[in-house]
Amino acid sequence: MATKKKAVRPGPGWGGGTSARGAASKTGDRKEERKEKRRFWLTYPTRLITSPVIWQLSQKFPIVFNVRQASVTDEIGILCLELEATRTELKAAISWLEKQGVKVEPVEINVIES
């Protein structure tokens, strides 16, 4: 009995020189910015404790986030957040967080995985 072959779809970024977002390929006119992962400590003031700040961030920016650690009380929220995006997107997202009143500091040492 003959084995039937499965159709294989090309992966992300395939499509005649453009990525899934329509940006030019690396050989094209515009260089595609690389994504990077960075970790930040976010400190929320009391007034933002019940606000869905991370959800709002995910709706406004094309960023992948991962909550690494969190501690929230009635007075303060402290969150270690890993963000994955281009440098431009990261800067815009951090700026937006700071405008909301969230203190953003880079994580210096990888304590969780070291």
N, C-alpha and C. Protein backbone atom coordinates (compact mmCIF):
# COMPACT_ATOMS: atom_id res chain seq x y z
N MET A 1 0.84 -1.18 0.00
CA MET A 1 0.00 0.00 0.00
C MET A 1 0.89 1.24 0.00
N ALA A 2 0.58 2.22 -0.83
CA ALA A 2 1.38 3.44 -0.93
C ALA A 2 1.08 4.36 0.24
N THR A 3 2.13 5.03 0.72
CA THR A 3 1.97 5.97 1.82
C THR A 3 1.61 7.34 1.27
N LYS A 4 0.62 7.95 1.84
CA LYS A 4 0.18 9.27 1.41
C LYS A 4 1.08 10.33 2.03
N LYS A 5 1.55 11.27 1.22
CA LYS A 5 2.41 12.34 1.73
C LYS A 5 1.57 13.49 2.24
N LYS A 6 2.02 14.06 3.35
CA LYS A 6 1.35 15.22 3.94
C LYS A 6 1.83 16.49 3.27
N ALA A 7 0.94 17.42 3.05
CA ALA A 7 1.33 18.73 2.53
C ALA A 7 2.05 19.49 3.64
N VAL A 8 3.11 20.17 3.29
CA VAL A 8 3.89 20.92 4.27
C VAL A 8 3.77 22.40 3.96
N ARG A 9 3.36 23.16 4.94
CA ARG A 9 3.27 24.61 4.78
C ARG A 9 4.60 25.24 5.11
N PRO A 10 4.97 26.29 4.37
CA PRO A 10 6.21 26.99 4.71
C PRO A 10 6.07 27.68 6.05
N GLY A 11 7.17 27.85 6.75
CA GLY A 11 7.17 28.48 8.07
C GLY A 11 6.99 29.98 7.99
N PRO A 12 6.96 30.65 9.15
CA PRO A 12 6.82 32.09 9.21
C PRO A 12 7.95 32.78 8.46
N GLY A 13 7.62 33.86 7.83
CA GLY A 13 8.65 34.63 7.13
C GLY A 13 8.83 34.20 5.70
N TRP A 14 8.22 33.06 5.29
CA TRP A 14 8.35 32.61 3.92
C TRP A 14 7.30 33.31 3.10
N GLY A 15 7.62 33.68 1.90
CA GLY A 15 6.59 34.31 1.07
C GLY A 15 7.19 35.27 0.08
N GLY A 16 8.18 34.84 -0.64
CA GLY A 16 8.69 35.64 -1.73
C GLY A 16 9.41 36.89 -1.29
N GLY A 17 10.19 36.82 -0.23
CA GLY A 17 11.02 37.96 0.16
C GLY A 17 10.43 38.86 1.21
N THR A 18 9.23 38.56 1.68
CA THR A 18 8.66 39.39 2.74
C THR A 18 8.36 38.53 3.95
N SER A 19 8.38 39.13 5.11
CA SER A 19 8.05 38.40 6.33
C SER A 19 6.54 38.37 6.50
N ALA A 20 6.10 37.74 7.56
CA ALA A 20 4.67 37.65 7.84
C ALA A 20 4.06 39.03 8.04
N ARG A 21 4.84 39.99 8.47
CA ARG A 21 4.33 41.35 8.68
C ARG A 21 4.48 42.22 7.43
N GLY A 22 5.04 41.66 6.37
CA GLY A 22 5.16 42.42 5.13
C GLY A 22 6.43 43.25 5.04
N ALA A 23 7.34 43.12 5.97
CA ALA A 23 8.59 43.88 5.91
C ALA A 23 9.49 43.27 4.85
N ALA A 24 10.37 44.07 4.30
CA ALA A 24 11.29 43.58 3.28
C ALA A 24 12.23 42.54 3.89
N SER A 25 12.68 41.62 3.05
CA SER A 25 13.61 40.60 3.54
C SER A 25 14.97 41.22 3.80
N LYS A 26 15.88 40.43 4.39
CA LYS A 26 17.20 40.94 4.72
C LYS A 26 17.98 41.36 3.48
N THR A 27 17.61 40.82 2.34
CA THR A 27 18.29 41.21 1.10
C THR A 27 17.58 42.38 0.44
N GLY A 28 16.46 42.80 0.98
CA GLY A 28 15.68 43.90 0.41
C GLY A 28 16.23 45.25 0.83
N ASP A 29 15.43 46.28 0.55
CA ASP A 29 15.83 47.66 0.84
C ASP A 29 15.90 47.94 2.33
N ARG A 30 14.95 47.43 3.09
CA ARG A 30 14.86 47.73 4.51
C ARG A 30 15.35 46.55 5.33
N LYS A 31 16.19 46.81 6.30
CA LYS A 31 16.70 45.75 7.16
C LYS A 31 15.69 45.47 8.26
N GLU A 32 15.37 44.20 8.46
CA GLU A 32 14.42 43.83 9.50
C GLU A 32 15.11 43.84 10.85
N GLU A 33 14.48 44.50 11.82
CA GLU A 33 15.06 44.60 13.17
C GLU A 33 14.90 43.26 13.90
N ARG A 34 15.96 42.85 14.60
CA ARG A 34 15.96 41.59 15.34
C ARG A 34 15.21 41.71 16.66
N LYS A 35 14.55 40.64 17.05
CA LYS A 35 13.88 40.62 18.36
C LYS A 35 14.88 40.22 19.42
N GLU A 36 14.69 40.76 20.60
CA GLU A 36 15.55 40.42 21.72
C GLU A 36 14.69 40.23 22.96
N LYS A 37 15.21 39.46 23.92
CA LYS A 37 14.53 39.25 25.20
C LYS A 37 15.25 40.06 26.26
N ARG A 38 14.45 40.79 27.03
CA ARG A 38 15.01 41.58 28.14
C ARG A 38 14.08 41.41 29.33
N ARG A 39 14.68 41.46 30.53
CA ARG A 39 13.89 41.36 31.77
C ARG A 39 13.93 42.68 32.52
N PHE A 40 12.77 42.99 33.12
CA PHE A 40 12.62 44.24 33.84
C PHE A 40 11.88 44.01 35.14
N TRP A 41 12.23 44.82 36.14
CA TRP A 41 11.45 44.88 37.37
C TRP A 41 10.47 46.03 37.20
N LEU A 42 9.20 45.75 37.37
CA LEU A 42 8.16 46.78 37.31
C LEU A 42 7.64 46.99 38.72
N THR A 43 7.54 48.24 39.13
CA THR A 43 7.00 48.57 40.44
C THR A 43 5.77 49.44 40.23
N TYR A 44 4.63 48.94 40.69
CA TYR A 44 3.36 49.63 40.52
C TYR A 44 3.03 50.44 41.76
N PRO A 45 2.57 51.68 41.59
CA PRO A 45 2.07 52.44 42.74
C PRO A 45 0.68 51.93 43.14
N THR A 46 0.23 52.32 44.30
CA THR A 46 -1.06 51.87 44.83
C THR A 46 -2.21 52.07 43.85
N ARG A 47 -2.24 53.20 43.19
CA ARG A 47 -3.38 53.51 42.30
C ARG A 47 -3.48 52.58 41.09
N LEU A 48 -2.40 51.86 40.75
CA LEU A 48 -2.42 50.98 39.58
C LEU A 48 -2.54 49.49 39.93
N ILE A 49 -2.62 49.16 41.21
CA ILE A 49 -2.63 47.76 41.64
C ILE A 49 -3.76 46.96 40.97
N THR A 50 -4.93 47.55 40.83
CA THR A 50 -6.07 46.82 40.26
C THR A 50 -6.25 47.06 38.76
N SER A 51 -5.37 47.83 38.14
CA SER A 51 -5.46 48.10 36.70
C SER A 51 -4.79 46.99 35.89
N PRO A 52 -5.37 46.62 34.75
CA PRO A 52 -4.78 45.56 33.91
C PRO A 52 -3.66 46.10 33.01
N VAL A 53 -2.61 46.59 33.62
CA VAL A 53 -1.53 47.27 32.89
C VAL A 53 -0.85 46.34 31.88
N ILE A 54 -0.56 45.12 32.27
CA ILE A 54 0.13 44.19 31.36
C ILE A 54 -0.78 43.82 30.19
N TRP A 55 -2.05 43.65 30.43
CA TRP A 55 -2.99 43.38 29.34
C TRP A 55 -3.02 44.57 28.38
N GLN A 56 -3.10 45.78 28.92
CA GLN A 56 -3.09 46.97 28.07
C GLN A 56 -1.81 47.04 27.24
N LEU A 57 -0.68 46.71 27.86
CA LEU A 57 0.61 46.68 27.16
C LEU A 57 0.55 45.71 25.98
N SER A 58 -0.03 44.53 26.22
CA SER A 58 -0.11 43.52 25.16
C SER A 58 -1.04 43.93 24.02
N GLN A 59 -2.00 44.78 24.31
CA GLN A 59 -2.92 45.26 23.28
C GLN A 59 -2.33 46.40 22.45
N LYS A 60 -1.46 47.19 23.07
CA LYS A 60 -0.88 48.36 22.40
C LYS A 60 0.39 48.06 21.61
N PHE A 61 1.13 47.02 22.01
CA PHE A 61 2.44 46.76 21.41
C PHE A 61 2.57 45.29 21.01
N PRO A 62 3.27 45.03 19.89
CA PRO A 62 3.49 43.64 19.46
C PRO A 62 4.63 42.99 20.25
N ILE A 63 4.36 42.73 21.52
CA ILE A 63 5.38 42.23 22.44
C ILE A 63 4.92 40.90 23.05
N VAL A 64 5.86 39.97 23.16
CA VAL A 64 5.59 38.72 23.88
C VAL A 64 6.10 38.94 25.30
N PHE A 65 5.27 38.63 26.29
CA PHE A 65 5.71 38.82 27.67
C PHE A 65 5.59 37.53 28.46
N ASN A 66 6.42 37.43 29.49
CA ASN A 66 6.43 36.27 30.38
C ASN A 66 6.63 36.79 31.80
N VAL A 67 5.66 36.54 32.66
CA VAL A 67 5.78 36.95 34.06
C VAL A 67 6.71 35.96 34.75
N ARG A 68 7.85 36.44 35.22
CA ARG A 68 8.85 35.59 35.86
C ARG A 68 8.67 35.50 37.37
N GLN A 69 8.18 36.58 37.97
CA GLN A 69 7.98 36.62 39.42
C GLN A 69 7.07 37.81 39.70
N ALA A 70 6.23 37.68 40.73
CA ALA A 70 5.35 38.79 41.08
C ALA A 70 5.01 38.74 42.57
N SER A 71 4.83 39.93 43.13
CA SER A 71 4.38 40.08 44.51
C SER A 71 3.50 41.32 44.55
N VAL A 72 2.25 41.13 44.94
CA VAL A 72 1.30 42.24 44.95
C VAL A 72 0.63 42.31 46.32
N THR A 73 0.61 43.51 46.89
CA THR A 73 -0.11 43.76 48.14
C THR A 73 -1.11 44.87 47.87
N ASP A 74 -1.79 45.33 48.91
CA ASP A 74 -2.72 46.44 48.75
C ASP A 74 -2.01 47.75 48.46
N GLU A 75 -0.74 47.85 48.82
CA GLU A 75 -0.01 49.11 48.66
C GLU A 75 0.94 49.16 47.48
N ILE A 76 1.47 48.01 47.04
CA ILE A 76 2.50 48.03 46.00
C ILE A 76 2.47 46.71 45.20
N GLY A 77 2.88 46.80 43.96
CA GLY A 77 3.03 45.62 43.13
C GLY A 77 4.43 45.59 42.55
N ILE A 78 5.11 44.46 42.68
CA ILE A 78 6.46 44.31 42.12
C ILE A 78 6.42 43.09 41.20
N LEU A 79 6.89 43.28 39.98
CA LEU A 79 6.76 42.24 38.97
C LEU A 79 8.04 42.13 38.16
N CYS A 80 8.54 40.92 37.98
CA CYS A 80 9.66 40.68 37.08
C CYS A 80 9.05 40.20 35.77
N LEU A 81 9.26 40.96 34.72
CA LEU A 81 8.62 40.69 33.44
C LEU A 81 9.68 40.54 32.36
N GLU A 82 9.61 39.45 31.61
CA GLU A 82 10.49 39.24 30.47
C GLU A 82 9.72 39.69 29.23
N LEU A 83 10.34 40.56 28.45
CA LEU A 83 9.71 41.06 27.23
C LEU A 83 10.52 40.63 26.02
N GLU A 84 9.85 40.25 24.95
CA GLU A 84 10.51 39.89 23.70
C GLU A 84 9.92 40.74 22.59
N ALA A 85 10.78 41.55 21.96
CA ALA A 85 10.36 42.43 20.88
C ALA A 85 11.60 43.05 20.25
N THR A 86 11.39 43.87 19.24
CA THR A 86 12.52 44.60 18.68
C THR A 86 12.91 45.70 19.65
N ARG A 87 14.10 46.21 19.51
CA ARG A 87 14.57 47.27 20.40
C ARG A 87 13.63 48.48 20.34
N THR A 88 13.18 48.83 19.16
CA THR A 88 12.26 49.97 18.99
C THR A 88 10.96 49.73 19.74
N GLU A 89 10.40 48.52 19.60
CA GLU A 89 9.16 48.18 20.30
C GLU A 89 9.35 48.17 21.81
N LEU A 90 10.49 47.66 22.27
CA LEU A 90 10.79 47.64 23.71
C LEU A 90 10.84 49.05 24.27
N LYS A 91 11.55 49.95 23.58
CA LYS A 91 11.66 51.34 24.05
C LYS A 91 10.29 52.00 24.12
N ALA A 92 9.47 51.77 23.11
CA ALA A 92 8.13 52.37 23.10
C ALA A 92 7.28 51.82 24.24
N ALA A 93 7.36 50.52 24.47
CA ALA A 93 6.57 49.89 25.54
C ALA A 93 7.01 50.38 26.91
N ILE A 94 8.31 50.47 27.13
CA ILE A 94 8.83 50.96 28.41
C ILE A 94 8.42 52.40 28.65
N SER A 95 8.51 53.20 27.61
CA SER A 95 8.09 54.60 27.71
C SER A 95 6.61 54.68 28.09
N TRP A 96 5.78 53.85 27.47
CA TRP A 96 4.36 53.85 27.78
C TRP A 96 4.12 53.44 29.24
N LEU A 97 4.82 52.39 29.70
CA LEU A 97 4.68 51.96 31.10
C LEU A 97 5.03 53.09 32.07
N GLU A 98 6.14 53.78 31.79
CA GLU A 98 6.56 54.88 32.66
C GLU A 98 5.55 56.02 32.66
N LYS A 99 4.94 56.28 31.51
CA LYS A 99 3.91 57.33 31.44
C LYS A 99 2.68 56.95 32.25
N GLN A 100 2.43 55.65 32.41
CA GLN A 100 1.30 55.19 33.22
C GLN A 100 1.59 55.31 34.71
N GLY A 101 2.87 55.48 35.07
CA GLY A 101 3.25 55.59 36.48
C GLY A 101 3.97 54.37 37.02
N VAL A 102 4.34 53.44 36.13
CA VAL A 102 5.06 52.23 36.54
C VAL A 102 6.56 52.52 36.49
N LYS A 103 7.26 52.18 37.57
CA LYS A 103 8.72 52.32 37.59
C LYS A 103 9.31 51.09 36.90
N VAL A 104 10.19 51.30 35.91
CA VAL A 104 10.76 50.20 35.13
C VAL A 104 12.28 50.20 35.30
N GLU A 105 12.82 49.07 35.77
CA GLU A 105 14.27 48.93 35.95
C GLU A 105 14.73 47.63 35.30
N PRO A 106 15.84 47.64 34.58
CA PRO A 106 16.34 46.39 33.99
C PRO A 106 16.83 45.43 35.07
N VAL A 107 16.64 44.14 34.83
CA VAL A 107 17.16 43.11 35.73
C VAL A 107 18.63 42.94 35.39
N GLU A 108 19.48 43.10 36.38
CA GLU A 108 20.92 43.04 36.16
C GLU A 108 21.46 41.62 36.18
N ILE A 109 20.94 40.78 37.08
CA ILE A 109 21.45 39.42 37.25
C ILE A 109 20.30 38.45 37.06
N ASN A 110 20.55 37.36 36.37
CA ASN A 110 19.54 36.34 36.15
C ASN A 110 19.46 35.44 37.38
N VAL A 111 18.81 35.92 38.42
CA VAL A 111 18.73 35.21 39.70
C VAL A 111 17.90 33.94 39.59
N ILE A 112 16.84 33.98 38.82
CA ILE A 112 15.91 32.86 38.74
C ILE A 112 16.56 31.62 38.12
N GLU A 113 17.37 31.80 37.10
CA GLU A 113 17.93 30.65 36.38
C GLU A 113 19.40 30.41 36.67
N SER A 114 20.03 31.18 37.55
CA SER A 114 21.46 30.95 37.81
C SER A 114 21.67 30.06 39.01
